[in-house]
């Protein structure tokens, strides 16, 4: 191949063409994850204002949205494999599955972290002046959100742009 095609992302020979549609499930999943960023922020503001009920609802919604994101990502993987878009198809699919899978692993870790904070919140462990564990989980969750935006652009919009 010539140098111009060698630097194209994804490579024109990739099985991604015709399989990656960013404005369906991937966009919905992006909205789910970004919405979870707003619910965790709501929970953070609520605990700082000693609004325990709002804290529990916001954090509970965040955990639910994290679980939903994970299930939707797994569903997408299943759909891709049915169409032959598998991890060892080519360089793009390998990078796609490794990057989104690594991100998904971090979503699962973050969801567990936040679920444990929800449990601690239900026990009354957090106060407006003592909630560092939750605050750490919230910062981690925002990091996961930001990473997903970059992955969505590179892995989904990048592939769609060339279809």
C-alpha atoms as a PDB file:
ATOM      1  CA  UNK A   1       0.000   0.000   0.000  1.00  0.00           C
ATOM      2  CA  UNK A   2       1.098   3.580  -0.449  1.00  0.00           C
ATOM      3  CA  UNK A   3       2.063   5.781   2.481  1.00  0.00           C
ATOM      4  CA  UNK A   4      -1.220   7.747   2.458  1.00  0.00           C
ATOM      5  CA  UNK A   5      -3.275   4.588   2.951  1.00  0.00           C
ATOM      6  CA  UNK A   6      -0.863   3.247   5.570  1.00  0.00           C
ATOM      7  CA  UNK A   7      -1.546   6.243   7.813  1.00  0.00           C
ATOM      8  CA  UNK A   8      -5.337   6.128   7.399  1.00  0.00           C
ATOM      9  CA  UNK A   9      -7.333   5.296  10.507  1.00  0.00           C
ATOM     10  CA  UNK A  10      -8.922   2.832  10.389  1.00  0.00           C
ATOM     11  CA  UNK A  11      -7.077   1.129   7.518  1.00  0.00           C
ATOM     12  CA  UNK A  12      -9.243   0.786   4.426  1.00  0.00           C
ATOM     13  CA  UNK A  13      -8.921  -2.994   4.625  1.00  0.00           C
ATOM     14  CA  UNK A  14     -10.483  -3.052   8.093  1.00  0.00           C
ATOM     15  CA  UNK A  15     -13.609  -5.077   8.747  1.00  0.00           C
ATOM     16  CA  UNK A  16     -14.882  -1.999  10.606  1.00  0.00           C
ATOM     17  CA  UNK A  17     -16.329  -0.542   7.441  1.00  0.00           C
ATOM     18  CA  UNK A  18     -20.031  -1.150   7.417  1.00  0.00           C
ATOM     19  CA  UNK A  19     -20.061  -2.360  11.041  1.00  0.00           C
ATOM     20  CA  UNK A  20     -19.305   0.712  13.167  1.00  0.00           C
ATOM     21  CA  UNK A  21     -22.259   3.094  13.248  1.00  0.00           C
ATOM     22  CA  UNK A  22     -21.513   5.802  15.819  1.00  0.00           C
ATOM     23  CA  UNK A  23     -24.944   7.424  15.808  1.00  0.00           C
ATOM     24  CA  UNK A  24     -26.823   4.358  17.062  1.00  0.00           C
ATOM     25  CA  UNK A  25     -25.880   2.391  20.136  1.00  0.00           C
ATOM     26  CA  UNK A  26     -22.416   4.004  20.574  1.00  0.00           C
ATOM     27  CA  UNK A  27     -23.918   7.499  20.724  1.00  0.00           C
ATOM     28  CA  UNK A  28     -26.629   6.305  23.118  1.00  0.00           C
ATOM     29  CA  UNK A  29     -23.949   4.719  25.298  1.00  0.00           C
ATOM     30  CA  UNK A  30     -22.002   7.988  25.208  1.00  0.00           C
ATOM     31  CA  UNK A  31     -25.090   9.844  26.407  1.00  0.00           C
ATOM     32  CA  UNK A  32     -25.550   7.255  29.179  1.00  0.00           C
ATOM     33  CA  UNK A  33     -21.979   7.738  30.385  1.00  0.00           C
ATOM     34  CA  UNK A  34     -22.098  11.539  30.187  1.00  0.00           C
ATOM     35  CA  UNK A  35     -25.437  11.538  32.023  1.00  0.00           C
ATOM     36  CA  UNK A  36     -23.779   9.467  34.741  1.00  0.00           C
ATOM     37  CA  UNK A  37     -21.205  12.246  35.053  1.00  0.00           C
ATOM     38  CA  UNK A  38     -24.010  14.689  35.808  1.00  0.00           C
ATOM     39  CA  UNK A  39     -25.664  12.368  38.328  1.00  0.00           C
ATOM     40  CA  UNK A  40     -22.410  11.821  40.214  1.00  0.00           C
ATOM     41  CA  UNK A  41     -21.895  15.611  40.255  1.00  0.00           C
ATOM     42  CA  UNK A  42     -25.433  16.013  41.590  1.00  0.00           C
ATOM     43  CA  UNK A  43     -24.617  13.486  44.328  1.00  0.00           C
ATOM     44  CA  UNK A  44     -21.410  15.353  45.150  1.00  0.00           C
ATOM     45  CA  UNK A  45     -23.193  18.675  45.512  1.00  0.00           C
ATOM     46  CA  UNK A  46     -25.925  17.005  47.571  1.00  0.00           C
ATOM     47  CA  UNK A  47     -23.516  15.508  50.117  1.00  0.00           C
ATOM     48  CA  UNK A  48     -21.703  18.840  50.428  1.00  0.00           C
ATOM     49  CA  UNK A  49     -25.082  20.476  51.190  1.00  0.00           C
ATOM     50  CA  UNK A  50     -26.054  17.655  53.600  1.00  0.00           C
ATOM     51  CA  UNK A  51     -28.940  16.519  51.374  1.00  0.00           C
ATOM     52  CA  UNK A  52     -28.593  12.811  52.089  1.00  0.00           C
ATOM     53  CA  UNK A  53     -31.687  11.772  50.108  1.00  0.00           C
ATOM     54  CA  UNK A  54     -30.512  13.534  46.962  1.00  0.00           C
ATOM     55  CA  UNK A  55     -27.026  12.112  47.478  1.00  0.00           C
ATOM     56  CA  UNK A  56     -28.399   8.572  47.592  1.00  0.00           C
ATOM     57  CA  UNK A  57     -30.607   9.082  44.528  1.00  0.00           C
ATOM     58  CA  UNK A  58     -27.863  10.741  42.480  1.00  0.00           C
ATOM     59  CA  UNK A  59     -25.314   8.107  43.417  1.00  0.00           C
ATOM     60  CA  UNK A  60     -27.806   5.279  42.861  1.00  0.00           C
ATOM     61  CA  UNK A  61     -28.582   6.613  39.382  1.00  0.00           C
ATOM     62  CA  UNK A  62     -24.866   6.826  38.646  1.00  0.00           C
ATOM     63  CA  UNK A  63     -24.357   3.186  39.606  1.00  0.00           C
ATOM     64  CA  UNK A  64     -27.360   2.175  37.487  1.00  0.00           C
ATOM     65  CA  UNK A  65     -26.017   4.120  34.487  1.00  0.00           C
ATOM     66  CA  UNK A  66     -22.576   2.526  34.926  1.00  0.00           C
ATOM     67  CA  UNK A  67     -24.171  -0.926  34.861  1.00  0.00           C
ATOM     68  CA  UNK A  68     -26.288   0.045  31.845  1.00  0.00           C
ATOM     69  CA  UNK A  69     -23.204   1.289  29.976  1.00  0.00           C
ATOM     70  CA  UNK A  70     -21.412  -1.994  30.670  1.00  0.00           C
ATOM     71  CA  UNK A  71     -24.341  -4.116  29.469  1.00  0.00           C
ATOM     72  CA  UNK A  72     -24.786  -2.027  26.325  1.00  0.00           C
ATOM     73  CA  UNK A  73     -21.065  -2.295  25.545  1.00  0.00           C
ATOM     74  CA  UNK A  74     -21.249  -6.088  25.964  1.00  0.00           C
ATOM     75  CA  UNK A  75     -24.322  -6.188  23.695  1.00  0.00           C
ATOM     76  CA  UNK A  76     -22.438  -4.175  21.081  1.00  0.00           C
ATOM     77  CA  UNK A  77     -19.498  -6.591  21.246  1.00  0.00           C
ATOM     78  CA  UNK A  78     -21.881  -9.505  20.681  1.00  0.00           C
ATOM     79  CA  UNK A  79     -23.444  -7.750  17.703  1.00  0.00           C
ATOM     80  CA  UNK A  80     -20.006  -7.040  16.230  1.00  0.00           C
ATOM     81  CA  UNK A  81     -18.820 -10.624  16.580  1.00  0.00           C
ATOM     82  CA  UNK A  82     -21.936 -11.911  14.802  1.00  0.00           C
ATOM     83  CA  UNK A  83     -20.849  -9.808  11.807  1.00  0.00           C
ATOM     84  CA  UNK A  84     -17.226 -10.974  11.905  1.00  0.00           C
ATOM     85  CA  UNK A  85     -15.843  -7.850  13.591  1.00  0.00           C
ATOM     86  CA  UNK A  86     -13.588  -9.766  16.007  1.00  0.00           C
ATOM     87  CA  UNK A  87     -10.445  -8.829  17.932  1.00  0.00           C
ATOM     88  CA  UNK A  88      -8.031 -10.577  15.584  1.00  0.00           C
ATOM     89  CA  UNK A  89      -9.540  -9.395  12.281  1.00  0.00           C
ATOM     90  CA  UNK A  90      -7.030  -6.602  11.720  1.00  0.00           C
ATOM     91  CA  UNK A  91      -5.113  -3.839  13.487  1.00  0.00           C
ATOM     92  CA  UNK A  92      -8.137  -1.571  13.868  1.00  0.00           C
ATOM     93  CA  UNK A  93     -10.348  -4.226  15.434  1.00  0.00           C
ATOM     94  CA  UNK A  94      -7.545  -5.255  17.797  1.00  0.00           C
ATOM     95  CA  UNK A  95      -7.045  -1.659  18.927  1.00  0.00           C
ATOM     96  CA  UNK A  96     -10.816  -1.134  19.099  1.00  0.00           C
ATOM     97  CA  UNK A  97     -11.426  -4.091  21.401  1.00  0.00           C
ATOM     98  CA  UNK A  98      -8.358  -3.484  23.556  1.00  0.00           C
ATOM     99  CA  UNK A  99      -9.071   0.246  24.021  1.00  0.00           C
ATOM    100  CA  UNK A 100     -12.815  -0.049  24.585  1.00  0.00           C
ATOM    101  CA  UNK A 101     -12.380  -3.210  26.653  1.00  0.00           C
ATOM    102  CA  UNK A 102      -9.762  -1.572  28.872  1.00  0.00           C
ATOM    103  CA  UNK A 103     -12.109   1.374  29.277  1.00  0.00           C
ATOM    104  CA  UNK A 104     -14.985  -0.995  30.051  1.00  0.00           C
ATOM    105  CA  UNK A 105     -12.872  -2.646  32.743  1.00  0.00           C
ATOM    106  CA  UNK A 106     -12.364   0.784  34.315  1.00  0.00           C
ATOM    107  CA  UNK A 107     -16.105   1.469  34.117  1.00  0.00           C
ATOM    108  CA  UNK A 108     -16.729  -1.778  36.018  1.00  0.00           C
ATOM    109  CA  UNK A 109     -14.126  -0.834  38.657  1.00  0.00           C
ATOM    110  CA  UNK A 110     -15.641   2.658  38.947  1.00  0.00           C
ATOM    111  CA  UNK A 111     -19.156   1.266  39.201  1.00  0.00           C
ATOM    112  CA  UNK A 112     -18.077  -1.059  42.015  1.00  0.00           C
ATOM    113  CA  UNK A 113     -16.288   1.823  43.729  1.00  0.00           C
ATOM    114  CA  UNK A 114     -19.426   3.986  43.498  1.00  0.00           C
ATOM    115  CA  UNK A 115     -21.689   1.116  44.604  1.00  0.00           C
ATOM    116  CA  UNK A 116     -19.534   0.718  47.703  1.00  0.00           C
ATOM    117  CA  UNK A 117     -19.855   4.470  48.298  1.00  0.00           C
ATOM    118  CA  UNK A 118     -23.631   4.117  47.962  1.00  0.00           C
ATOM    119  CA  UNK A 119     -23.535   1.392  50.621  1.00  0.00           C
ATOM    120  CA  UNK A 120     -21.396   3.593  52.861  1.00  0.00           C
ATOM    121  CA  UNK A 121     -23.767   6.496  52.238  1.00  0.00           C
ATOM    122  CA  UNK A 122     -26.718   4.354  53.270  1.00  0.00           C
ATOM    123  CA  UNK A 123     -24.876   3.608  56.528  1.00  0.00           C
ATOM    124  CA  UNK A 124     -24.372   7.333  57.084  1.00  0.00           C
ATOM    125  CA  UNK A 125     -20.591   7.250  56.710  1.00  0.00           C
ATOM    126  CA  UNK A 126     -20.444  10.446  54.630  1.00  0.00           C
ATOM    127  CA  UNK A 127     -20.990  13.966  55.902  1.00  0.00           C
ATOM    128  CA  UNK A 128     -20.535  17.370  54.261  1.00  0.00           C
ATOM    129  CA  UNK A 129     -17.035  17.580  55.750  1.00  0.00           C
ATOM    130  CA  UNK A 130     -16.109  13.859  55.566  1.00  0.00           C
ATOM    131  CA  UNK A 131     -16.633  12.280  52.150  1.00  0.00           C
ATOM    132  CA  UNK A 132     -13.170  11.887  50.647  1.00  0.00           C
ATOM    133  CA  UNK A 133     -13.793   8.278  49.589  1.00  0.00           C
ATOM    134  CA  UNK A 134     -16.826   9.319  47.577  1.00  0.00           C
ATOM    135  CA  UNK A 135     -15.065  12.370  46.177  1.00  0.00           C
ATOM    136  CA  UNK A 136     -12.213  10.160  44.956  1.00  0.00           C
ATOM    137  CA  UNK A 137     -14.692   7.841  43.279  1.00  0.00           C
ATOM    138  CA  UNK A 138     -16.406  10.814  41.633  1.00  0.00           C
ATOM    139  CA  UNK A 139     -13.111  12.144  40.239  1.00  0.00           C
ATOM    140  CA  UNK A 140     -12.272   8.673  38.950  1.00  0.00           C
ATOM    141  CA  UNK A 141     -15.697   8.512  37.304  1.00  0.00           C
ATOM    142  CA  UNK A 142     -15.162  11.857  35.564  1.00  0.00           C
ATOM    143  CA  UNK A 143     -11.827  10.590  34.268  1.00  0.00           C
ATOM    144  CA  UNK A 144     -13.603   7.535  32.816  1.00  0.00           C
ATOM    145  CA  UNK A 145     -16.096   9.899  31.129  1.00  0.00           C
ATOM    146  CA  UNK A 146     -13.369  12.001  29.539  1.00  0.00           C
ATOM    147  CA  UNK A 147     -11.474   8.966  28.273  1.00  0.00           C
ATOM    148  CA  UNK A 148     -14.679   7.679  26.665  1.00  0.00           C
ATOM    149  CA  UNK A 149     -15.103  10.927  24.714  1.00  0.00           C
ATOM    150  CA  UNK A 150     -11.663  10.429  23.172  1.00  0.00           C
ATOM    151  CA  UNK A 151     -12.417   6.766  22.430  1.00  0.00           C
ATOM    152  CA  UNK A 152     -15.761   7.630  20.867  1.00  0.00           C
ATOM    153  CA  UNK A 153     -14.095  10.148  18.556  1.00  0.00           C
ATOM    154  CA  UNK A 154     -11.153   7.914  17.625  1.00  0.00           C
ATOM    155  CA  UNK A 155     -12.834   4.516  17.450  1.00  0.00           C
ATOM    156  CA  UNK A 156     -16.353   5.336  16.263  1.00  0.00           C
ATOM    157  CA  UNK A 157     -16.373   8.694  14.523  1.00  0.00           C
ATOM    158  CA  UNK A 158     -12.999   8.002  12.941  1.00  0.00           C
ATOM    159  CA  UNK A 159     -14.284   4.811  11.373  1.00  0.00           C
ATOM    160  CA  UNK A 160     -17.607   6.344  10.361  1.00  0.00           C
ATOM    161  CA  UNK A 161     -15.927   9.302   8.679  1.00  0.00           C
ATOM    162  CA  UNK A 162     -14.319   6.969   6.162  1.00  0.00           C
ATOM    163  CA  UNK A 163     -17.361   4.795   5.389  1.00  0.00           C
END
